[in-house]
N, C-alpha and C. Protein backbone atom coordinates (compact mmCIF):
# COMPACT_ATOMS: atom_id res chain seq x y z
N MET A 1 168.27 134.67 102.23
CA MET A 1 168.11 134.60 103.69
C MET A 1 168.39 135.96 104.29
N THR A 2 167.57 136.38 105.22
CA THR A 2 167.85 137.60 105.96
C THR A 2 168.00 137.25 107.42
N SER A 3 168.89 137.97 108.11
CA SER A 3 169.18 137.66 109.50
C SER A 3 169.53 138.92 110.25
N THR A 4 169.13 138.95 111.52
CA THR A 4 169.50 140.05 112.39
C THR A 4 170.31 139.56 113.58
N VAL A 5 170.89 138.36 113.45
CA VAL A 5 171.68 137.79 114.53
C VAL A 5 173.07 137.48 114.00
N PRO A 6 174.05 137.35 114.90
CA PRO A 6 175.38 136.94 114.47
C PRO A 6 175.34 135.56 113.85
N ALA A 7 176.39 135.19 113.14
CA ALA A 7 176.42 133.90 112.45
C ALA A 7 176.47 132.74 113.42
N SER A 8 176.82 132.97 114.66
CA SER A 8 176.89 131.87 115.62
C SER A 8 176.26 132.27 116.93
N LEU A 9 175.83 131.26 117.68
CA LEU A 9 175.24 131.46 118.99
C LEU A 9 176.19 130.92 120.04
N THR A 10 176.08 131.43 121.26
CA THR A 10 176.85 130.87 122.35
C THR A 10 176.28 129.51 122.71
N ARG A 11 177.08 128.48 122.63
CA ARG A 11 176.62 127.13 122.92
C ARG A 11 176.53 126.91 124.42
N THR A 12 175.58 126.12 124.84
CA THR A 12 175.50 125.74 126.24
C THR A 12 176.39 124.55 126.47
N ALA A 13 176.73 124.33 127.73
CA ALA A 13 177.59 123.20 128.06
C ALA A 13 176.83 121.89 128.04
N GLU A 14 175.51 121.96 128.16
CA GLU A 14 174.70 120.76 128.20
C GLU A 14 174.69 120.10 126.83
N GLY A 15 174.69 118.77 126.81
CA GLY A 15 174.82 118.06 125.55
C GLY A 15 173.63 118.15 124.64
N ALA A 16 172.42 118.09 125.18
CA ALA A 16 171.22 118.06 124.34
C ALA A 16 170.29 119.18 124.78
N THR A 17 170.38 120.30 124.15
CA THR A 17 169.54 121.44 124.50
C THR A 17 168.93 122.02 123.23
N LEU A 18 167.79 122.64 123.40
CA LEU A 18 167.13 123.31 122.29
C LEU A 18 167.91 124.58 121.94
N GLN A 19 168.38 124.67 120.71
CA GLN A 19 169.15 125.84 120.30
C GLN A 19 168.35 126.83 119.48
N ALA A 20 167.36 126.35 118.74
CA ALA A 20 166.57 127.25 117.90
C ALA A 20 165.26 126.57 117.51
N VAL A 21 164.27 127.40 117.21
CA VAL A 21 162.98 126.91 116.72
C VAL A 21 162.77 127.48 115.32
N LEU A 22 162.49 126.59 114.37
CA LEU A 22 162.35 126.96 112.97
C LEU A 22 160.92 126.66 112.53
N LEU A 23 160.21 127.69 112.11
CA LEU A 23 158.80 127.53 111.78
C LEU A 23 158.52 127.72 110.30
N ASP A 24 157.68 126.85 109.76
CA ASP A 24 157.11 127.05 108.44
C ASP A 24 156.10 128.20 108.53
N MET A 25 155.69 128.72 107.37
CA MET A 25 154.79 129.87 107.38
C MET A 25 153.34 129.48 107.04
N ASP A 26 153.07 129.19 105.77
CA ASP A 26 151.70 128.94 105.34
C ASP A 26 151.13 127.68 105.96
N GLY A 27 150.02 127.84 106.68
CA GLY A 27 149.36 126.71 107.30
C GLY A 27 149.92 126.31 108.64
N THR A 28 151.10 126.82 108.98
CA THR A 28 151.73 126.54 110.27
C THR A 28 151.66 127.77 111.16
N LEU A 29 152.24 128.85 110.70
CA LEU A 29 152.22 130.11 111.46
C LEU A 29 150.96 130.92 111.16
N VAL A 30 150.60 131.00 109.89
CA VAL A 30 149.45 131.80 109.49
C VAL A 30 148.46 130.96 108.70
N ASP A 31 147.20 131.34 108.78
CA ASP A 31 146.11 130.57 108.18
C ASP A 31 145.96 130.95 106.71
N THR A 32 146.95 130.55 105.90
CA THR A 32 146.97 130.94 104.48
C THR A 32 147.08 129.76 103.53
N GLU A 33 147.20 128.55 104.03
CA GLU A 33 147.39 127.41 103.13
C GLU A 33 146.23 127.30 102.15
N GLY A 34 145.01 127.53 102.65
CA GLY A 34 143.84 127.48 101.78
C GLY A 34 143.83 128.60 100.76
N PHE A 35 144.46 129.74 101.09
CA PHE A 35 144.52 130.86 100.16
C PHE A 35 145.24 130.46 98.87
N TRP A 36 146.34 129.71 99.03
CA TRP A 36 147.11 129.33 97.86
C TRP A 36 146.27 128.48 96.90
N TRP A 37 145.51 127.54 97.45
CA TRP A 37 144.68 126.70 96.59
C TRP A 37 143.59 127.53 95.93
N ASP A 38 142.99 128.46 96.67
CA ASP A 38 141.97 129.33 96.08
C ASP A 38 142.55 130.16 94.94
N VAL A 39 143.76 130.69 95.16
CA VAL A 39 144.41 131.49 94.14
C VAL A 39 144.72 130.64 92.90
N GLU A 40 145.21 129.43 93.13
CA GLU A 40 145.52 128.55 92.01
C GLU A 40 144.27 128.24 91.21
N LYS A 41 143.16 127.99 91.89
CA LYS A 41 141.91 127.72 91.19
C LYS A 41 141.46 128.92 90.37
N GLU A 42 141.59 130.13 90.97
CA GLU A 42 141.17 131.34 90.27
C GLU A 42 142.01 131.59 89.02
N VAL A 43 143.32 131.46 89.17
CA VAL A 43 144.22 131.73 88.04
C VAL A 43 143.96 130.74 86.91
N PHE A 44 143.80 129.45 87.26
CA PHE A 44 143.56 128.46 86.21
C PHE A 44 142.17 128.61 85.60
N ALA A 45 141.22 129.10 86.37
CA ALA A 45 139.89 129.38 85.80
C ALA A 45 140.00 130.47 84.75
N ASP A 46 140.82 131.49 85.04
CA ASP A 46 141.05 132.56 84.07
C ASP A 46 141.70 132.02 82.79
N LEU A 47 142.47 130.94 82.96
CA LEU A 47 143.15 130.32 81.81
C LEU A 47 142.26 129.29 81.10
N GLY A 48 141.04 129.11 81.64
CA GLY A 48 140.11 128.18 81.02
C GLY A 48 140.20 126.75 81.51
N HIS A 49 140.72 126.56 82.73
CA HIS A 49 140.89 125.20 83.26
C HIS A 49 140.31 125.10 84.67
N ARG A 50 139.81 123.93 85.00
CA ARG A 50 139.25 123.67 86.33
C ARG A 50 140.17 122.71 87.07
N LEU A 51 140.58 123.11 88.28
CA LEU A 51 141.45 122.25 89.08
C LEU A 51 140.62 121.23 89.85
N GLU A 52 141.12 120.00 89.89
CA GLU A 52 140.45 118.93 90.62
C GLU A 52 140.93 118.91 92.06
N GLU A 53 140.01 118.67 92.99
CA GLU A 53 140.34 118.72 94.43
C GLU A 53 141.46 117.77 94.83
N PRO A 54 141.55 116.54 94.28
CA PRO A 54 142.65 115.65 94.67
C PRO A 54 144.04 116.22 94.37
N TRP A 55 144.12 117.15 93.42
CA TRP A 55 145.42 117.74 93.09
C TRP A 55 145.95 118.60 94.22
N ARG A 56 145.06 119.03 95.09
CA ARG A 56 145.47 119.90 96.20
C ARG A 56 146.50 119.21 97.08
N ASP A 57 146.31 117.92 97.34
CA ASP A 57 147.24 117.19 98.20
C ASP A 57 148.63 117.08 97.56
N VAL A 58 148.69 117.16 96.25
CA VAL A 58 149.96 117.07 95.54
C VAL A 58 150.74 118.37 95.65
N VAL A 59 150.04 119.49 95.54
CA VAL A 59 150.73 120.79 95.47
C VAL A 59 150.93 121.45 96.83
N VAL A 60 150.19 121.02 97.86
CA VAL A 60 150.27 121.68 99.15
C VAL A 60 151.67 121.56 99.76
N GLY A 61 152.16 122.69 100.26
CA GLY A 61 153.41 122.68 101.00
C GLY A 61 154.67 122.64 100.15
N GLY A 62 154.51 122.53 98.85
CA GLY A 62 155.69 122.40 98.00
C GLY A 62 156.16 123.72 97.44
N PRO A 63 157.33 123.72 96.81
CA PRO A 63 157.83 124.93 96.16
C PRO A 63 156.95 125.31 94.99
N MET A 64 156.90 126.59 94.66
CA MET A 64 156.04 127.03 93.57
C MET A 64 156.42 126.39 92.24
N THR A 65 157.71 126.18 92.02
CA THR A 65 158.12 125.57 90.75
C THR A 65 157.51 124.19 90.59
N ARG A 66 157.48 123.41 91.68
CA ARG A 66 156.90 122.08 91.60
C ARG A 66 155.39 122.13 91.47
N SER A 67 154.75 122.95 92.31
CA SER A 67 153.29 123.04 92.31
C SER A 67 152.77 123.58 90.99
N ALA A 68 153.35 124.69 90.55
CA ALA A 68 152.90 125.31 89.31
C ALA A 68 153.19 124.40 88.12
N GLY A 69 154.36 123.77 88.12
CA GLY A 69 154.71 122.86 87.03
C GLY A 69 153.76 121.68 86.95
N TYR A 70 153.40 121.15 88.12
CA TYR A 70 152.47 120.03 88.15
C TYR A 70 151.11 120.44 87.58
N LEU A 71 150.62 121.62 87.97
CA LEU A 71 149.31 122.06 87.52
C LEU A 71 149.30 122.37 86.02
N ILE A 72 150.41 122.87 85.50
CA ILE A 72 150.51 123.07 84.05
C ILE A 72 150.43 121.72 83.33
N ASP A 73 151.14 120.73 83.87
CA ASP A 73 151.18 119.41 83.24
C ASP A 73 149.80 118.75 83.23
N VAL A 74 149.10 118.78 84.38
CA VAL A 74 147.83 118.05 84.47
C VAL A 74 146.70 118.76 83.74
N THR A 75 146.79 120.08 83.60
CA THR A 75 145.72 120.81 82.91
C THR A 75 146.03 121.04 81.43
N GLY A 76 147.31 121.02 81.09
CA GLY A 76 147.69 121.34 79.73
C GLY A 76 147.58 122.82 79.41
N ALA A 77 147.60 123.65 80.45
CA ALA A 77 147.46 125.09 80.26
C ALA A 77 148.60 125.64 79.41
N ASP A 78 148.27 126.57 78.52
CA ASP A 78 149.25 127.17 77.63
C ASP A 78 149.88 128.39 78.31
N ILE A 79 150.80 128.11 79.21
CA ILE A 79 151.47 129.18 79.97
C ILE A 79 152.81 128.64 80.45
N SER A 80 153.81 129.51 80.51
CA SER A 80 155.12 129.07 80.99
C SER A 80 155.14 129.06 82.51
N LEU A 81 156.11 128.34 83.05
CA LEU A 81 156.26 128.27 84.50
C LEU A 81 156.53 129.66 85.08
N ASP A 82 157.39 130.43 84.45
CA ASP A 82 157.70 131.77 84.95
C ASP A 82 156.48 132.67 84.92
N GLU A 83 155.71 132.62 83.84
CA GLU A 83 154.51 133.45 83.74
C GLU A 83 153.49 133.07 84.80
N LEU A 84 153.32 131.77 85.02
CA LEU A 84 152.35 131.32 86.02
C LEU A 84 152.79 131.71 87.42
N SER A 85 154.08 131.60 87.71
CA SER A 85 154.58 131.98 89.03
C SER A 85 154.29 133.45 89.35
N VAL A 86 154.46 134.31 88.35
CA VAL A 86 154.17 135.73 88.54
C VAL A 86 152.69 135.93 88.82
N LEU A 87 151.82 135.28 88.06
CA LEU A 87 150.38 135.41 88.26
C LEU A 87 149.97 134.94 89.65
N LEU A 88 150.50 133.81 90.07
CA LEU A 88 150.14 133.26 91.38
C LEU A 88 150.61 134.17 92.51
N ASN A 89 151.86 134.64 92.44
CA ASN A 89 152.37 135.52 93.49
C ASN A 89 151.60 136.84 93.52
N ASP A 90 151.29 137.39 92.35
CA ASP A 90 150.54 138.65 92.31
C ASP A 90 149.16 138.48 92.93
N ARG A 91 148.49 137.41 92.56
CA ARG A 91 147.13 137.18 93.08
C ARG A 91 147.16 136.90 94.58
N PHE A 92 148.15 136.14 95.03
CA PHE A 92 148.25 135.83 96.46
C PHE A 92 148.55 137.10 97.26
N GLU A 93 149.45 137.92 96.75
CA GLU A 93 149.81 139.15 97.46
C GLU A 93 148.59 140.07 97.60
N LYS A 94 147.76 140.11 96.59
CA LYS A 94 146.53 140.90 96.69
C LYS A 94 145.58 140.30 97.74
N ARG A 95 145.58 138.96 97.80
CA ARG A 95 144.68 138.28 98.74
C ARG A 95 145.03 138.61 100.20
N ILE A 96 146.31 138.82 100.49
CA ILE A 96 146.72 139.03 101.87
C ILE A 96 147.03 140.49 102.19
N ARG A 97 146.67 141.41 101.27
CA ARG A 97 147.05 142.81 101.48
C ARG A 97 146.39 143.43 102.70
N ASP A 98 145.26 142.88 103.15
CA ASP A 98 144.59 143.40 104.34
C ASP A 98 145.02 142.69 105.61
N GLY A 99 146.05 141.85 105.51
CA GLY A 99 146.56 141.15 106.68
C GLY A 99 146.23 139.68 106.67
N VAL A 100 146.88 138.94 107.54
CA VAL A 100 146.66 137.50 107.67
C VAL A 100 146.38 137.17 109.12
N ARG A 101 145.79 136.01 109.32
CA ARG A 101 145.44 135.59 110.67
C ARG A 101 146.42 134.52 111.16
N LEU A 102 146.94 134.73 112.37
CA LEU A 102 147.81 133.72 112.97
C LEU A 102 147.01 132.47 113.30
N MET A 103 147.67 131.33 113.20
CA MET A 103 147.04 130.08 113.59
C MET A 103 146.85 130.06 115.11
N PRO A 104 145.84 129.34 115.60
CA PRO A 104 145.62 129.27 117.05
C PRO A 104 146.88 128.81 117.79
N GLY A 105 147.25 129.55 118.81
CA GLY A 105 148.41 129.21 119.61
C GLY A 105 149.70 129.85 119.14
N ALA A 106 149.71 130.40 117.92
CA ALA A 106 150.95 130.94 117.36
C ALA A 106 151.42 132.18 118.11
N GLU A 107 150.53 133.10 118.39
CA GLU A 107 150.92 134.34 119.06
C GLU A 107 151.51 134.06 120.44
N ARG A 108 150.89 133.15 121.17
CA ARG A 108 151.39 132.79 122.49
C ARG A 108 152.74 132.12 122.42
N LEU A 109 152.93 131.22 121.44
CA LEU A 109 154.21 130.53 121.29
C LEU A 109 155.31 131.50 120.91
N LEU A 110 155.05 132.40 119.99
CA LEU A 110 156.06 133.38 119.59
C LEU A 110 156.47 134.27 120.77
N ALA A 111 155.50 134.65 121.58
CA ALA A 111 155.80 135.47 122.76
C ALA A 111 156.65 134.69 123.76
N GLU A 112 156.36 133.41 123.90
CA GLU A 112 157.13 132.57 124.83
C GLU A 112 158.57 132.40 124.35
N LEU A 113 158.75 132.23 123.06
CA LEU A 113 160.10 132.10 122.52
C LEU A 113 160.88 133.39 122.73
N ALA A 114 160.23 134.53 122.50
CA ALA A 114 160.90 135.82 122.68
C ALA A 114 161.27 136.05 124.13
N ALA A 115 160.36 135.71 125.04
CA ALA A 115 160.61 135.93 126.47
C ALA A 115 161.77 135.08 126.97
N SER A 116 161.93 133.89 126.39
CA SER A 116 163.00 132.98 126.81
C SER A 116 164.29 133.19 126.00
N LYS A 117 164.24 134.15 125.07
CA LYS A 117 165.38 134.44 124.18
C LYS A 117 165.80 133.22 123.36
N THR A 118 164.81 132.39 123.01
CA THR A 118 165.06 131.25 122.13
C THR A 118 165.02 131.73 120.68
N PRO A 119 166.10 131.59 119.93
CA PRO A 119 166.11 132.07 118.55
C PRO A 119 165.03 131.41 117.71
N ALA A 120 164.35 132.21 116.90
CA ALA A 120 163.29 131.69 116.03
C ALA A 120 163.55 132.12 114.60
N ALA A 121 163.32 131.20 113.67
CA ALA A 121 163.47 131.49 112.24
C ALA A 121 162.19 131.11 111.52
N LEU A 122 161.90 131.83 110.46
CA LEU A 122 160.80 131.49 109.58
C LEU A 122 161.40 130.89 108.32
N VAL A 123 160.98 129.67 107.98
CA VAL A 123 161.56 128.94 106.85
C VAL A 123 160.42 128.53 105.93
N SER A 124 160.32 129.16 104.77
CA SER A 124 159.16 128.97 103.91
C SER A 124 159.57 128.70 102.47
N ALA A 125 158.72 127.93 101.77
CA ALA A 125 158.91 127.73 100.33
C ALA A 125 158.38 128.93 99.54
N SER A 126 157.65 129.81 100.20
CA SER A 126 157.14 131.01 99.53
C SER A 126 158.29 131.95 99.19
N HIS A 127 158.05 132.80 98.20
CA HIS A 127 159.07 133.74 97.77
C HIS A 127 159.22 134.88 98.77
N ARG A 128 160.36 135.57 98.70
CA ARG A 128 160.67 136.66 99.63
C ARG A 128 159.58 137.72 99.67
N ARG A 129 159.05 138.09 98.51
CA ARG A 129 158.04 139.14 98.47
C ARG A 129 156.80 138.75 99.28
N ILE A 130 156.47 137.45 99.29
CA ILE A 130 155.30 136.99 100.04
C ILE A 130 155.62 136.93 101.53
N ILE A 131 156.80 136.42 101.88
CA ILE A 131 157.19 136.37 103.29
C ILE A 131 157.18 137.76 103.90
N ASP A 132 157.76 138.73 103.21
CA ASP A 132 157.82 140.08 103.76
C ASP A 132 156.44 140.68 103.91
N ARG A 133 155.54 140.41 102.98
CA ARG A 133 154.18 140.93 103.09
C ARG A 133 153.46 140.29 104.29
N VAL A 134 153.65 139.00 104.50
CA VAL A 134 153.06 138.34 105.66
C VAL A 134 153.62 138.92 106.96
N LEU A 135 154.94 139.12 107.00
CA LEU A 135 155.55 139.64 108.21
C LEU A 135 155.21 141.11 108.46
N ASP A 136 154.83 141.83 107.43
CA ASP A 136 154.31 143.18 107.64
C ASP A 136 153.07 143.14 108.52
N SER A 137 152.32 142.05 108.39
CA SER A 137 151.09 141.87 109.17
C SER A 137 151.37 141.24 110.53
N VAL A 138 152.20 140.20 110.52
CA VAL A 138 152.46 139.43 111.75
C VAL A 138 153.47 140.11 112.66
N GLY A 139 154.49 140.73 112.07
CA GLY A 139 155.55 141.37 112.84
C GLY A 139 156.90 140.77 112.52
N HIS A 140 157.76 141.55 111.89
CA HIS A 140 159.11 141.08 111.55
C HIS A 140 159.93 140.77 112.80
N HIS A 141 159.60 141.42 113.90
CA HIS A 141 160.41 141.30 115.11
C HIS A 141 160.38 139.90 115.71
N HIS A 142 159.43 139.08 115.32
CA HIS A 142 159.33 137.74 115.90
C HIS A 142 160.47 136.83 115.46
N PHE A 143 161.11 137.16 114.34
CA PHE A 143 162.08 136.24 113.75
C PHE A 143 163.43 136.92 113.55
N ALA A 144 164.46 136.31 114.10
CA ALA A 144 165.82 136.82 113.92
C ALA A 144 166.36 136.47 112.55
N LEU A 145 165.74 135.50 111.90
CA LEU A 145 166.24 135.01 110.61
C LEU A 145 165.07 134.48 109.80
N THR A 146 165.07 134.73 108.50
CA THR A 146 164.04 134.19 107.62
C THR A 146 164.70 133.63 106.36
N VAL A 147 164.16 132.52 105.87
CA VAL A 147 164.67 131.86 104.67
C VAL A 147 163.51 131.70 103.70
N ALA A 148 163.65 132.25 102.49
CA ALA A 148 162.60 132.19 101.48
C ALA A 148 162.93 131.14 100.42
N GLY A 149 161.90 130.63 99.78
CA GLY A 149 162.09 129.58 98.79
C GLY A 149 162.88 130.01 97.57
N ASP A 150 162.84 131.31 97.25
CA ASP A 150 163.59 131.78 96.09
C ASP A 150 164.98 132.28 96.46
N GLU A 151 165.42 131.98 97.69
CA GLU A 151 166.75 132.39 98.15
C GLU A 151 167.67 131.20 98.36
N VAL A 152 167.17 129.99 98.11
CA VAL A 152 167.99 128.79 98.24
C VAL A 152 168.05 128.10 96.89
N THR A 153 169.08 127.29 96.71
CA THR A 153 169.23 126.57 95.44
C THR A 153 168.16 125.51 95.27
N ARG A 154 167.86 124.81 96.38
CA ARG A 154 166.84 123.76 96.37
C ARG A 154 165.95 123.97 97.59
N THR A 155 164.66 124.05 97.36
CA THR A 155 163.75 124.30 98.46
C THR A 155 163.07 122.99 98.90
N LYS A 156 162.15 123.08 99.83
CA LYS A 156 161.48 121.89 100.37
C LYS A 156 160.89 121.06 99.23
N PRO A 157 161.02 119.73 99.27
CA PRO A 157 161.40 118.87 100.39
C PRO A 157 162.90 118.65 100.57
N HIS A 158 163.74 119.36 99.84
CA HIS A 158 165.18 119.26 100.06
C HIS A 158 165.53 119.87 101.42
N PRO A 159 166.53 119.36 102.12
CA PRO A 159 166.88 119.88 103.46
C PRO A 159 167.55 121.24 103.45
N GLU A 160 167.95 121.76 102.28
CA GLU A 160 168.73 122.99 102.25
C GLU A 160 168.11 124.16 103.04
N PRO A 161 166.79 124.41 102.94
CA PRO A 161 166.25 125.55 103.70
C PRO A 161 166.49 125.43 105.21
N TYR A 162 166.30 124.24 105.76
CA TYR A 162 166.49 124.08 107.20
C TYR A 162 167.96 124.01 107.59
N LEU A 163 168.77 123.46 106.74
CA LEU A 163 170.22 123.50 106.99
C LEU A 163 170.72 124.94 106.95
N THR A 164 170.18 125.74 106.04
CA THR A 164 170.56 127.15 105.94
C THR A 164 170.17 127.91 107.20
N ALA A 165 168.96 127.65 107.70
CA ALA A 165 168.50 128.33 108.92
C ALA A 165 169.35 127.93 110.12
N ALA A 166 169.61 126.64 110.27
CA ALA A 166 170.42 126.18 111.40
C ALA A 166 171.82 126.79 111.33
N ALA A 167 172.41 126.81 110.15
CA ALA A 167 173.75 127.38 109.98
C ALA A 167 173.74 128.87 110.28
N GLY A 168 172.65 129.55 109.94
CA GLY A 168 172.56 130.97 110.22
C GLY A 168 172.58 131.28 111.70
N PHE A 169 172.11 130.35 112.50
CA PHE A 169 172.15 130.49 113.96
C PHE A 169 173.40 129.86 114.57
N GLY A 170 174.21 129.18 113.75
CA GLY A 170 175.34 128.44 114.29
C GLY A 170 174.88 127.29 115.16
N ALA A 171 173.72 126.73 114.83
CA ALA A 171 173.11 125.68 115.64
C ALA A 171 173.29 124.31 114.99
N ASP A 172 173.28 123.28 115.81
CA ASP A 172 173.27 121.91 115.30
C ASP A 172 171.86 121.59 114.84
N PRO A 173 171.64 121.06 113.63
CA PRO A 173 170.29 120.76 113.17
C PRO A 173 169.51 119.88 114.14
N TRP A 174 170.16 118.90 114.75
CA TRP A 174 169.43 118.01 115.65
C TRP A 174 169.03 118.67 116.95
N ARG A 175 169.56 119.87 117.21
CA ARG A 175 169.13 120.65 118.37
C ARG A 175 168.12 121.73 117.99
N CYS A 176 167.64 121.66 116.75
CA CYS A 176 166.62 122.60 116.29
C CYS A 176 165.27 121.90 116.22
N ALA A 177 164.24 122.54 116.74
CA ALA A 177 162.88 122.03 116.63
C ALA A 177 162.20 122.73 115.47
N VAL A 178 161.68 121.96 114.56
CA VAL A 178 160.98 122.49 113.39
C VAL A 178 159.49 122.26 113.56
N ILE A 179 158.70 123.26 113.21
CA ILE A 179 157.24 123.13 113.26
C ILE A 179 156.73 123.26 111.83
N GLU A 180 156.04 122.22 111.36
CA GLU A 180 155.60 122.12 109.97
C GLU A 180 154.16 121.60 109.90
N ASP A 181 153.51 121.86 108.77
CA ASP A 181 152.12 121.39 108.62
C ASP A 181 151.92 120.43 107.46
N THR A 182 152.95 120.21 106.63
CA THR A 182 152.79 119.32 105.48
C THR A 182 153.88 118.26 105.45
N ALA A 183 153.59 117.17 104.73
CA ALA A 183 154.56 116.10 104.59
C ALA A 183 155.82 116.58 103.87
N THR A 184 155.65 117.51 102.94
CA THR A 184 156.80 118.06 102.21
C THR A 184 157.74 118.77 103.16
N GLY A 185 157.18 119.61 104.03
CA GLY A 185 158.00 120.33 104.99
C GLY A 185 158.64 119.43 106.01
N VAL A 186 157.89 118.44 106.47
CA VAL A 186 158.42 117.46 107.44
C VAL A 186 159.60 116.71 106.82
N ALA A 187 159.46 116.32 105.56
CA ALA A 187 160.55 115.60 104.88
C ALA A 187 161.80 116.46 104.80
N ALA A 188 161.64 117.75 104.52
CA ALA A 188 162.78 118.65 104.44
C ALA A 188 163.48 118.77 105.79
N ALA A 189 162.69 118.97 106.84
CA ALA A 189 163.25 119.14 108.18
C ALA A 189 163.96 117.88 108.67
N GLU A 190 163.35 116.73 108.44
CA GLU A 190 163.96 115.49 108.91
C GLU A 190 165.19 115.13 108.10
N ALA A 191 165.19 115.46 106.81
CA ALA A 191 166.38 115.22 106.00
C ALA A 191 167.54 116.09 106.47
N ALA A 192 167.20 117.24 107.06
CA ALA A 192 168.24 118.13 107.61
C ALA A 192 168.73 117.65 108.97
N GLY A 193 168.03 116.68 109.57
CA GLY A 193 168.43 116.17 110.87
C GLY A 193 167.74 116.83 112.03
N CYS A 194 166.70 117.63 111.76
CA CYS A 194 165.99 118.35 112.82
C CYS A 194 164.92 117.47 113.46
N ARG A 195 164.54 117.83 114.68
CA ARG A 195 163.39 117.22 115.33
C ARG A 195 162.15 118.00 114.89
N VAL A 196 161.02 117.32 114.73
CA VAL A 196 159.87 117.94 114.08
C VAL A 196 158.60 117.83 114.92
N VAL A 197 157.87 118.94 114.95
CA VAL A 197 156.50 118.94 115.43
C VAL A 197 155.62 119.16 114.21
N ALA A 198 154.77 118.20 113.90
CA ALA A 198 153.87 118.31 112.75
C ALA A 198 152.49 118.73 113.24
N VAL A 199 151.96 119.76 112.59
CA VAL A 199 150.60 120.23 112.88
C VAL A 199 149.84 120.13 111.55
N PRO A 200 149.34 118.96 111.19
CA PRO A 200 148.80 118.76 109.84
C PRO A 200 147.68 119.74 109.50
N SER A 201 147.74 120.30 108.28
CA SER A 201 146.73 121.28 107.86
C SER A 201 145.78 120.71 106.81
N VAL A 202 146.31 119.97 105.85
CA VAL A 202 145.47 119.47 104.77
C VAL A 202 145.41 117.95 104.77
N ALA A 203 146.57 117.30 104.83
CA ALA A 203 146.64 115.84 104.82
C ALA A 203 147.24 115.35 106.13
N PRO A 204 146.86 114.17 106.61
CA PRO A 204 147.39 113.65 107.87
C PRO A 204 148.88 113.35 107.78
N ILE A 205 149.55 113.43 108.93
CA ILE A 205 150.97 113.10 109.06
C ILE A 205 151.10 112.15 110.24
N ALA A 206 151.77 111.03 110.05
CA ALA A 206 151.89 110.03 111.11
C ALA A 206 153.04 110.37 112.05
N PRO A 207 152.92 110.01 113.34
CA PRO A 207 154.06 110.17 114.26
C PRO A 207 155.21 109.28 113.84
N ALA A 208 156.41 109.64 114.26
CA ALA A 208 157.61 108.85 113.96
C ALA A 208 158.67 109.19 114.99
N VAL A 209 159.76 108.43 114.97
CA VAL A 209 160.86 108.70 115.89
C VAL A 209 161.40 110.10 115.62
N GLY A 210 161.52 110.91 116.66
CA GLY A 210 162.00 112.27 116.51
C GLY A 210 160.95 113.24 115.99
N ARG A 211 159.71 112.79 115.87
CA ARG A 211 158.61 113.61 115.34
C ARG A 211 157.40 113.49 116.25
N ALA A 212 156.84 114.62 116.61
CA ALA A 212 155.59 114.65 117.37
C ALA A 212 154.50 115.20 116.46
N VAL A 213 153.30 114.70 116.62
CA VAL A 213 152.17 115.19 115.84
C VAL A 213 151.12 115.73 116.79
N VAL A 214 150.71 116.97 116.56
CA VAL A 214 149.70 117.62 117.41
C VAL A 214 148.61 118.17 116.51
N SER A 215 147.48 118.51 117.11
CA SER A 215 146.36 119.02 116.32
C SER A 215 146.38 120.54 116.21
N SER A 216 147.14 121.21 117.07
CA SER A 216 147.17 122.67 117.07
C SER A 216 148.42 123.17 117.77
N LEU A 217 148.85 124.37 117.43
CA LEU A 217 149.97 124.99 118.14
C LEU A 217 149.61 125.29 119.59
N GLU A 218 148.36 125.23 119.92
CA GLU A 218 147.96 125.43 121.31
C GLU A 218 148.50 124.32 122.21
N GLU A 219 148.91 123.20 121.60
CA GLU A 219 149.51 122.09 122.35
C GLU A 219 151.02 122.21 122.48
N VAL A 220 151.60 123.24 121.86
CA VAL A 220 153.05 123.37 121.81
C VAL A 220 153.52 124.54 122.65
N ASP A 221 154.45 124.28 123.56
CA ASP A 221 155.08 125.35 124.33
C ASP A 221 156.56 125.05 124.45
N LEU A 222 157.28 125.90 125.16
CA LEU A 222 158.73 125.74 125.25
C LEU A 222 159.14 124.43 125.92
N PRO A 223 158.53 124.04 127.05
CA PRO A 223 158.88 122.73 127.62
C PRO A 223 158.64 121.57 126.66
N PHE A 224 157.57 121.65 125.88
CA PHE A 224 157.27 120.62 124.89
C PHE A 224 158.40 120.51 123.87
N LEU A 225 158.88 121.65 123.38
CA LEU A 225 159.94 121.67 122.39
C LEU A 225 161.27 121.19 122.98
N ARG A 226 161.53 121.57 124.21
CA ARG A 226 162.77 121.10 124.85
C ARG A 226 162.77 119.61 125.03
N LYS A 227 161.62 119.04 125.39
CA LYS A 227 161.53 117.59 125.55
C LYS A 227 161.70 116.87 124.21
N LEU A 228 161.28 117.52 123.14
CA LEU A 228 161.45 116.92 121.83
C LEU A 228 162.93 116.73 121.52
N ILE A 229 163.76 117.66 121.98
CA ILE A 229 165.20 117.58 121.73
C ILE A 229 165.87 116.58 122.67
N THR A 230 165.50 116.64 123.94
CA THR A 230 166.17 115.78 124.93
C THR A 230 165.64 114.37 124.95
N GLY A 231 164.41 114.18 124.42
CA GLY A 231 163.81 112.87 124.44
C GLY A 231 163.27 112.46 125.79
N THR A 232 163.09 113.43 126.68
CA THR A 232 162.56 113.14 128.01
C THR A 232 161.08 113.47 128.06
N GLY A 233 160.44 112.99 129.09
CA GLY A 233 159.03 113.32 129.31
C GLY A 233 158.08 112.46 128.48
């Protein structure tokens, strides 16, 4: 985890207020979720295997250890998990070396959070090297804190990444709004006790108590996130 803020924030006197916004990266902040599947297909093609499209729903949004392990199991590829992880990260990093594209509404939302001095964190299952390369394109200044998948003991769908981010801000998890695009990420955020905005990228996500589902970040602004915490509106 990297952070440029103190370990705690000044709490407001109000009982239910938005303390921080925690965003997933691939498919939520930047339009890269499809890149990972393309890279996985390319790497396995080099290994002599063809990936089936239904497998995409299994690996999307998950930690590399789970995704890569699953693909090794279903294909029978003769490669170790560590070797495959290196190949996938190398190929993905090359894919994004010319920059990445923000998802619709992301730039406006990040600017709104900065203007209101609402703390924002990037919480991803991707490794640190990939997060830093993405932020070289998007702008490191948008996030006071970032949590990478290879910096926690257990990554998504375990709640540890979001609990780590909330603790880094000294925030209560239930006063943190999480924005995610996959069921894996939503499960991690809700297990941590956070309120969730789901912006599905590959597979549908159903609404639930404490969870809002939207079609785009263009539907999300600061009042929307505050209402998610207070339960008003």
